[in-house]
Amino acid sequence: MQILAYLIPISLFLGGVGLVAFIYTVRSDQYSDPDGDAQRILSGQYDDKPKT
């Protein structure tokens, strides 16, 4: 039972790190165009100069 005193704070910390990473990716527009990405993967055309 004493191990729970270590595991609960560690799991809360790791969950917080995951939440912060998710919020960072949302704010940096990493999920801005999922449909366009899906269409580019399925198309046979390749872009030598992708948009930045």
PDB file of N, CA and C in Angstrom:
ATOM      1  N   MET A   1       0.812  -1.198   0.000  1.00  0.00           N
ATOM      2  CA  MET A   1       0.000   0.000   0.000  1.00  0.00           C
ATOM      3  C   MET A   1       0.855   1.262   0.000  1.00  0.00           C
ATOM      4  N   GLN A   2       2.060   1.186   0.512  1.00  0.00           N
ATOM      5  CA  GLN A   2       2.908   2.375   0.539  1.00  0.00           C
ATOM      6  C   GLN A   2       3.390   2.755  -0.854  1.00  0.00           C
ATOM      7  N   ILE A   3       3.409   1.788  -1.766  1.00  0.00           N
ATOM      8  CA  ILE A   3       3.848   2.087  -3.125  1.00  0.00           C
ATOM      9  C   ILE A   3       2.872   3.036  -3.811  1.00  0.00           C
ATOM     10  N   LEU A   4       1.592   3.029  -3.382  1.00  0.00           N
ATOM     11  CA  LEU A   4       0.617   3.945  -3.960  1.00  0.00           C
ATOM     12  C   LEU A   4       0.973   5.395  -3.681  1.00  0.00           C
ATOM     13  N   ALA A   5       1.663   5.645  -2.594  1.00  0.00           N
ATOM     14  CA  ALA A   5       2.088   7.006  -2.273  1.00  0.00           C
ATOM     15  C   ALA A   5       3.087   7.514  -3.321  1.00  0.00           C
ATOM     16  N   TYR A   6       3.763   6.630  -4.003  1.00  0.00           N
ATOM     17  CA  TYR A   6       4.690   7.014  -5.072  1.00  0.00           C
ATOM     18  C   TYR A   6       4.016   6.973  -6.445  1.00  0.00           C
ATOM     19  N   LEU A   7       3.206   5.948  -6.669  1.00  0.00           N
ATOM     20  CA  LEU A   7       2.633   5.750  -7.997  1.00  0.00           C
ATOM     21  C   LEU A   7       1.574   6.787  -8.359  1.00  0.00           C
ATOM     22  N   ILE A   8       0.766   7.209  -7.407  1.00  0.00           N
ATOM     23  CA  ILE A   8      -0.285   8.180  -7.712  1.00  0.00           C
ATOM     24  C   ILE A   8       0.298   9.532  -8.121  1.00  0.00           C
ATOM     25  N   PRO A   9       1.242  10.113  -7.384  1.00  0.00           N
ATOM     26  CA  PRO A   9       1.818  11.385  -7.851  1.00  0.00           C
ATOM     27  C   PRO A   9       2.574  11.252  -9.175  1.00  0.00           C
ATOM     28  N   ILE A  10       3.253  10.128  -9.378  1.00  0.00           N
ATOM     29  CA  ILE A  10       3.970   9.929 -10.634  1.00  0.00           C
ATOM     30  C   ILE A  10       2.982   9.855 -11.794  1.00  0.00           C
ATOM     31  N   SER A  11       1.877   9.143 -11.622  1.00  0.00           N
ATOM     32  CA  SER A  11       0.897   9.039 -12.697  1.00  0.00           C
ATOM     33  C   SER A  11       0.218  10.378 -12.956  1.00  0.00           C
ATOM     34  N   LEU A  12      -0.058  11.148 -11.914  1.00  0.00           N
ATOM     35  CA  LEU A  12      -0.634  12.477 -12.113  1.00  0.00           C
ATOM     36  C   LEU A  12       0.342  13.397 -12.840  1.00  0.00           C
ATOM     37  N   PHE A  13       1.610  13.304 -12.514  1.00  0.00           N
ATOM     38  CA  PHE A  13       2.635  14.120 -13.185  1.00  0.00           C
ATOM     39  C   PHE A  13       2.735  13.744 -14.659  1.00  0.00           C
ATOM     40  N   LEU A  14       2.771  12.445 -14.973  1.00  0.00           N
ATOM     41  CA  LEU A  14       2.872  12.018 -16.368  1.00  0.00           C
ATOM     42  C   LEU A  14       1.611  12.376 -17.153  1.00  0.00           C
ATOM     43  N   GLY A  15       0.461  12.289 -16.518  1.00  0.00           N
ATOM     44  CA  GLY A  15      -0.772  12.721 -17.173  1.00  0.00           C
ATOM     45  C   GLY A  15      -0.755  14.210 -17.457  1.00  0.00           C
ATOM     46  N   GLY A  16      -0.219  14.990 -16.528  1.00  0.00           N
ATOM     47  CA  GLY A  16      -0.094  16.438 -16.739  1.00  0.00           C
ATOM     48  C   GLY A  16       0.858  16.767 -17.864  1.00  0.00           C
ATOM     49  N   VAL A  17       1.963  16.020 -17.954  1.00  0.00           N
ATOM     50  CA  VAL A  17       2.912  16.220 -19.048  1.00  0.00           C
ATOM     51  C   VAL A  17       2.245  15.915 -20.386  1.00  0.00           C
ATOM     52  N   GLY A  18       1.473  14.850 -20.444  1.00  0.00           N
ATOM     53  CA  GLY A  18       0.750  14.515 -21.667  1.00  0.00           C
ATOM     54  C   GLY A  18      -0.269  15.583 -22.028  1.00  0.00           C
ATOM     55  N   LEU A  19      -0.962  16.117 -21.049  1.00  0.00           N
ATOM     56  CA  LEU A  19      -1.945  17.168 -21.298  1.00  0.00           C
ATOM     57  C   LEU A  19      -1.275  18.434 -21.810  1.00  0.00           C
ATOM     58  N   VAL A  20      -0.162  18.806 -21.223  1.00  0.00           N
ATOM     59  CA  VAL A  20       0.574  19.988 -21.678  1.00  0.00           C
ATOM     60  C   VAL A  20       1.087  19.787 -23.104  1.00  0.00           C
ATOM     61  N   ALA A  21       1.576  18.598 -23.411  1.00  0.00           N
ATOM     62  CA  ALA A  21       2.051  18.320 -24.773  1.00  0.00           C
ATOM     63  C   ALA A  21       0.895  18.402 -25.765  1.00  0.00           C
ATOM     64  N   PHE A  22      -0.276  17.882 -25.400  1.00  0.00           N
ATOM     65  CA  PHE A  22      -1.435  17.952 -26.283  1.00  0.00           C
ATOM     66  C   PHE A  22      -1.868  19.392 -26.504  1.00  0.00           C
ATOM     67  N   ILE A  23      -1.920  20.181 -25.445  1.00  0.00           N
ATOM     68  CA  ILE A  23      -2.312  21.593 -25.574  1.00  0.00           C
ATOM     69  C   ILE A  23      -1.306  22.341 -26.451  1.00  0.00           C
ATOM     70  N   TYR A  24      -0.034  22.033 -26.302  1.00  0.00           N
ATOM     71  CA  TYR A  24       0.984  22.677 -27.135  1.00  0.00           C
ATOM     72  C   TYR A  24       0.773  22.359 -28.609  1.00  0.00           C
ATOM     73  N   THR A  25       0.486  21.108 -28.928  1.00  0.00           N
ATOM     74  CA  THR A  25       0.299  20.743 -30.332  1.00  0.00           C
ATOM     75  C   THR A  25      -0.970  21.370 -30.905  1.00  0.00           C
ATOM     76  N   VAL A  26      -2.015  21.515 -30.094  1.00  0.00           N
ATOM     77  CA  VAL A  26      -3.238  22.152 -30.574  1.00  0.00           C
ATOM     78  C   VAL A  26      -2.989  23.634 -30.838  1.00  0.00           C
ATOM     79  N   ARG A  27      -2.284  24.300 -29.946  1.00  0.00           N
ATOM     80  CA  ARG A  27      -2.031  25.735 -30.113  1.00  0.00           C
ATOM     81  C   ARG A  27      -1.049  26.033 -31.240  1.00  0.00           C
ATOM     82  N   SER A  28      -0.201  25.081 -31.594  1.00  0.00           N
ATOM     83  CA  SER A  28       0.753  25.324 -32.677  1.00  0.00           C
ATOM     84  C   SER A  28       0.205  24.852 -34.020  1.00  0.00           C
ATOM     85  N   ASP A  29      -1.115  24.628 -34.093  1.00  0.00           N
ATOM     86  CA  ASP A  29      -1.829  24.278 -35.330  1.00  0.00           C
ATOM     87  C   ASP A  29      -1.296  23.027 -36.006  1.00  0.00           C
ATOM     88  N   GLN A  30      -0.975  22.013 -35.258  1.00  0.00           N
ATOM     89  CA  GLN A  30      -0.511  20.767 -35.856  1.00  0.00           C
ATOM     90  C   GLN A  30      -1.670  19.943 -36.397  1.00  0.00           C
ATOM     91  N   TYR A  31      -2.894  20.281 -36.000  1.00  0.00           N
ATOM     92  CA  TYR A  31      -4.069  19.544 -36.456  1.00  0.00           C
ATOM     93  C   TYR A  31      -4.948  20.423 -37.346  1.00  0.00           C
ATOM     94  N   SER A  32      -4.354  21.386 -38.029  1.00  0.00           N
ATOM     95  CA  SER A  32      -5.135  22.384 -38.750  1.00  0.00           C
ATOM     96  C   SER A  32      -5.781  21.851 -40.018  1.00  0.00           C
ATOM     97  N   ASP A  33      -5.197  20.860 -40.699  1.00  0.00           N
ATOM     98  CA  ASP A  33      -5.735  20.402 -41.980  1.00  0.00           C
ATOM     99  C   ASP A  33      -5.643  18.882 -42.096  1.00  0.00           C
ATOM    100  N   PRO A  34      -6.399  18.138 -41.295  1.00  0.00           N
ATOM    101  CA  PRO A  34      -6.293  16.673 -41.377  1.00  0.00           C
ATOM    102  C   PRO A  34      -6.842  16.107 -42.679  1.00  0.00           C
ATOM    103  N   ASP A  35      -7.861  16.746 -43.265  1.00  0.00           N
ATOM    104  CA  ASP A  35      -8.417  16.239 -44.524  1.00  0.00           C
ATOM    105  C   ASP A  35      -7.428  16.423 -45.668  1.00  0.00           C
ATOM    106  N   GLY A  36      -6.740  17.546 -45.686  1.00  0.00           N
ATOM    107  CA  GLY A  36      -5.745  17.782 -46.731  1.00  0.00           C
ATOM    108  C   GLY A  36      -4.592  16.799 -46.640  1.00  0.00           C
ATOM    109  N   ASP A  37      -4.170  16.491 -45.431  1.00  0.00           N
ATOM    110  CA  ASP A  37      -3.088  15.512 -45.254  1.00  0.00           C
ATOM    111  C   ASP A  37      -3.520  14.140 -45.746  1.00  0.00           C
ATOM    112  N   ALA A  38      -4.748  13.773 -45.460  1.00  0.00           N
ATOM    113  CA  ALA A  38      -5.242  12.465 -45.898  1.00  0.00           C
ATOM    114  C   ALA A  38      -5.306  12.398 -47.417  1.00  0.00           C
ATOM    115  N   GLN A  39      -5.710  13.460 -48.056  1.00  0.00           N
ATOM    116  CA  GLN A  39      -5.791  13.468 -49.512  1.00  0.00           C
ATOM    117  C   GLN A  39      -4.397  13.428 -50.149  1.00  0.00           C
ATOM    118  N   ARG A  40      -3.423  14.104 -49.542  1.00  0.00           N
ATOM    119  CA  ARG A  40      -2.056  14.089 -50.088  1.00  0.00           C
ATOM    120  C   ARG A  40      -1.428  12.706 -49.968  1.00  0.00           C
ATOM    121  N   ILE A  41      -1.743  11.988 -48.924  1.00  0.00           N
ATOM    122  CA  ILE A  41      -1.189  10.646 -48.763  1.00  0.00           C
ATOM    123  C   ILE A  41      -1.746   9.713 -49.835  1.00  0.00           C
ATOM    124  N   LEU A  42      -3.039   9.847 -50.132  1.00  0.00           N
ATOM    125  CA  LEU A  42      -3.683   8.947 -51.075  1.00  0.00           C
ATOM    126  C   LEU A  42      -3.415   9.300 -52.535  1.00  0.00           C
ATOM    127  N   SER A  43      -3.016  10.539 -52.801  1.00  0.00           N
ATOM    128  CA  SER A  43      -2.789  10.922 -54.195  1.00  0.00           C
ATOM    129  C   SER A  43      -1.417  10.429 -54.645  1.00  0.00           C
ATOM    130  N   GLY A  44      -1.269  10.280 -55.945  1.00  0.00           N
ATOM    131  CA  GLY A  44       0.003   9.811 -56.493  1.00  0.00           C
ATOM    132  C   GLY A  44       0.951  10.943 -56.836  1.00  0.00           C
ATOM    133  N   GLN A  45       0.555  12.174 -56.584  1.00  0.00           N
ATOM    134  CA  GLN A  45       1.398  13.325 -56.901  1.00  0.00           C
ATOM    135  C   GLN A  45       2.314  13.636 -55.732  1.00  0.00           C
ATOM    136  N   TYR A  46       3.530  14.040 -56.059  1.00  0.00           N
ATOM    137  CA  TYR A  46       4.503  14.391 -55.031  1.00  0.00           C
ATOM    138  C   TYR A  46       4.862  15.855 -55.161  1.00  0.00           C
ATOM    139  N   ASP A  47       5.000  16.504 -54.049  1.00  0.00           N
ATOM    140  CA  ASP A  47       5.319  17.941 -54.021  1.00  0.00           C
ATOM    141  C   ASP A  47       6.785  18.104 -53.653  1.00  0.00           C
ATOM    142  N   ASP A  48       7.589  18.570 -54.607  1.00  0.00           N
ATOM    143  CA  ASP A  48       9.013  18.749 -54.332  1.00  0.00           C
ATOM    144  C   ASP A  48       9.269  19.965 -53.458  1.00  0.00           C
ATOM    145  N   LYS A  49       8.351  20.922 -53.474  1.00  0.00           N
ATOM    146  CA  LYS A  49       8.511  22.134 -52.674  1.00  0.00           C
ATOM    147  C   LYS A  49       7.279  22.316 -51.797  1.00  0.00           C
ATOM    148  N   PRO A  50       7.211  21.634 -50.651  1.00  0.00           N
ATOM    149  CA  PRO A  50       6.018  21.747 -49.800  1.00  0.00           C
ATOM    150  C   PRO A  50       5.930  23.120 -49.156  1.00  0.00           C
ATOM    151  N   LYS A  51       4.708  23.492 -48.780  1.00  0.00           N
ATOM    152  CA  LYS A  51       4.487  24.768 -48.104  1.00  0.00           C
ATOM    153  C   LYS A  51       5.106  24.713 -46.719  1.00  0.00           C
ATOM    154  N   THR A  52       5.612  25.854 -46.261  1.00  0.00           N
ATOM    155  CA  THR A  52       6.186  25.922 -44.906  1.00  0.00           C
ATOM    156  C   THR A  52       5.168  26.411 -43.929  1.00  0.00           C
TER     157      THR A  52
END
